[in-house]
Amino acid sequence: MTLEMYRTHKESRTTATHIYDNSRGSALLALARAGILPTKCFNIFLTASDNYCERCGVHPETLAHVIFKCNEFYHTNEDLAARLGLSKELNPALVNETKRLLEAWDRERRKGSAEKLAPEVKG
């Protein structure tokens, strides 16, 4: 899956508008565009944990699942390409929304990891 989305839409991607800035969202967007966003499905090879989404607990946590907030079944690959800034007509507002969504997902993921590592405090 690595670079598959990027390769598929490579001819139609635009380079005139800069979509990256010096933010965590831009870094996560770059990982998503490369197909290496550290979702549970991507990391299943590194850890022995389950790959189900922490938010819904029903479906595997894939790139599309994260970007479409557990509703990827209602969207197409073209919708995903547009959110990643890989469609012919670049929509900067949609790409910025995706960066904010990825930042929120990353915060939730890190918070969940920290809670699992922290010892239980009894009071």
Protein backbone atom coordinates (compact mmCIF):
# COMPACT_ATOMS: atom_id res chain seq x y z
CA MET A 1 0.00 0.00 0.00
CA THR A 2 2.98 2.33 0.48
CA LEU A 3 2.89 5.09 -2.17
CA GLU A 4 0.01 3.35 -3.99
CA MET A 5 -2.37 6.32 -3.67
CA TYR A 6 0.39 8.77 -4.56
CA ARG A 7 1.46 6.75 -7.60
CA THR A 8 -2.13 6.38 -8.83
CA HIS A 9 -2.79 10.11 -8.72
CA LYS A 10 0.74 11.30 -9.52
CA GLU A 11 -0.10 12.60 -13.01
CA SER A 12 -3.00 14.67 -11.71
CA ARG A 13 -1.39 16.11 -8.61
CA THR A 14 -0.64 19.79 -8.59
CA THR A 15 2.60 21.41 -7.57
CA ALA A 16 1.61 25.06 -8.01
CA THR A 17 0.12 25.42 -4.53
CA HIS A 18 2.17 24.61 -1.49
CA ILE A 19 0.25 22.44 0.95
CA TYR A 20 2.96 21.92 3.54
CA ASP A 21 3.91 24.23 6.36
CA ASN A 22 5.98 23.67 9.46
CA SER A 23 3.21 21.91 11.42
CA ARG A 24 2.55 18.48 12.83
CA GLY A 25 -0.43 18.23 10.46
CA SER A 26 1.83 18.72 7.45
CA ALA A 27 4.17 16.00 8.67
CA LEU A 28 1.23 13.64 9.16
CA LEU A 29 -0.16 14.58 5.74
CA ALA A 30 3.19 13.70 4.14
CA LEU A 31 3.12 10.32 5.89
CA ALA A 32 -0.47 9.75 4.77
CA ARG A 33 0.33 10.67 1.16
CA ALA A 34 3.25 8.21 1.23
CA GLY A 35 1.00 5.49 2.69
CA ILE A 36 2.99 5.21 5.91
CA LEU A 37 0.76 6.98 8.44
CA PRO A 38 1.29 4.99 11.68
CA THR A 39 -2.23 3.57 11.91
CA LYS A 40 -2.85 0.37 13.81
CA CYS A 41 -3.05 -1.59 10.55
CA PHE A 42 0.30 -0.17 9.47
CA ASN A 43 1.89 -0.89 12.87
CA ILE A 44 0.44 -4.40 13.25
CA PHE A 45 3.72 -5.72 11.86
CA LEU A 46 5.67 -3.93 14.59
CA THR A 47 3.51 -4.84 17.58
CA ALA A 48 1.34 -7.75 18.59
CA SER A 49 -1.62 -5.53 19.48
CA ASP A 50 -4.98 -5.55 17.73
CA ASN A 51 -5.60 -3.33 14.74
CA TYR A 52 -9.09 -2.09 15.63
CA CYS A 53 -9.92 1.59 15.79
CA GLU A 54 -9.87 3.06 19.31
CA ARG A 55 -12.74 5.42 18.44
CA CYS A 56 -15.32 2.96 17.06
CA GLY A 57 -13.79 -0.37 18.10
CA VAL A 58 -15.48 -2.08 15.16
CA HIS A 59 -13.28 -1.69 12.09
CA PRO A 60 -9.53 -1.87 11.46
CA GLU A 61 -7.74 1.47 11.76
CA THR A 62 -6.60 2.18 8.21
CA LEU A 63 -5.64 5.46 6.55
CA ALA A 64 -9.11 5.85 5.00
CA HIS A 65 -10.77 4.91 8.29
CA VAL A 66 -8.87 7.68 10.11
CA ILE A 67 -9.39 10.34 7.45
CA PHE A 68 -13.11 9.66 7.06
CA LYS A 69 -13.73 9.40 10.83
CA CYS A 70 -14.83 5.74 10.86
CA ASN A 71 -17.09 6.24 7.80
CA GLU A 72 -14.82 5.22 4.93
CA PHE A 73 -17.54 3.00 3.47
CA TYR A 74 -19.37 6.12 2.25
CA HIS A 75 -16.37 7.54 0.39
CA THR A 76 -14.37 6.64 -2.72
CA ASN A 77 -10.65 6.54 -3.45
CA GLU A 78 -11.17 9.81 -5.32
CA ASP A 79 -12.50 11.38 -2.09
CA LEU A 80 -9.40 10.13 -0.28
CA ALA A 81 -7.12 11.52 -3.00
CA ALA A 82 -8.84 14.92 -2.71
CA ARG A 83 -8.35 14.97 1.06
CA LEU A 84 -4.67 14.14 0.59
CA GLY A 85 -4.23 16.89 -2.00
CA LEU A 86 -3.67 14.43 -4.84
CA SER A 87 -6.68 15.25 -7.01
CA LYS A 88 -6.53 17.24 -10.23
CA GLU A 89 -8.30 20.21 -8.65
CA LEU A 90 -6.49 20.98 -5.41
CA ASN A 91 -8.82 22.09 -2.62
CA PRO A 92 -6.56 23.80 -0.03
CA ALA A 93 -9.40 24.09 2.51
CA LEU A 94 -10.04 20.34 2.33
CA VAL A 95 -6.33 19.56 2.67
CA ASN A 96 -6.06 21.89 5.69
CA GLU A 97 -9.09 20.20 7.23
CA THR A 98 -7.36 16.84 6.72
CA LYS A 99 -4.23 18.16 8.46
CA ARG A 100 -6.30 19.30 11.46
CA LEU A 101 -8.08 15.94 11.55
CA LEU A 102 -4.75 14.09 11.47
CA GLU A 103 -3.40 16.28 14.28
CA ALA A 104 -6.46 15.46 16.43
CA TRP A 105 -6.12 11.75 15.62
CA ASP A 106 -2.42 11.86 16.53
CA ARG A 107 -3.17 13.56 19.88
CA GLU A 108 -5.80 10.90 20.71
CA ARG A 109 -3.41 8.13 19.70
CA ARG A 110 -0.57 9.51 21.81
CA LYS A 111 -2.88 10.10 24.78
CA GLY A 112 -4.12 6.51 24.56
CA SER A 113 -0.56 5.18 24.40
CA ALA A 114 0.48 7.27 27.41
CA GLU A 115 -2.51 6.04 29.43
CA LYS A 116 -1.63 2.42 28.66
CA LEU A 117 1.97 2.96 29.77
CA ALA A 118 1.18 4.92 32.95
CA PRO A 119 0.90 2.84 36.11
CA GLU A 120 -2.55 2.71 37.65
CA VAL A 121 -2.77 5.05 40.63
CA LYS A 122 -5.10 4.03 43.44
CA GLY A 123 -6.30 6.75 45.73
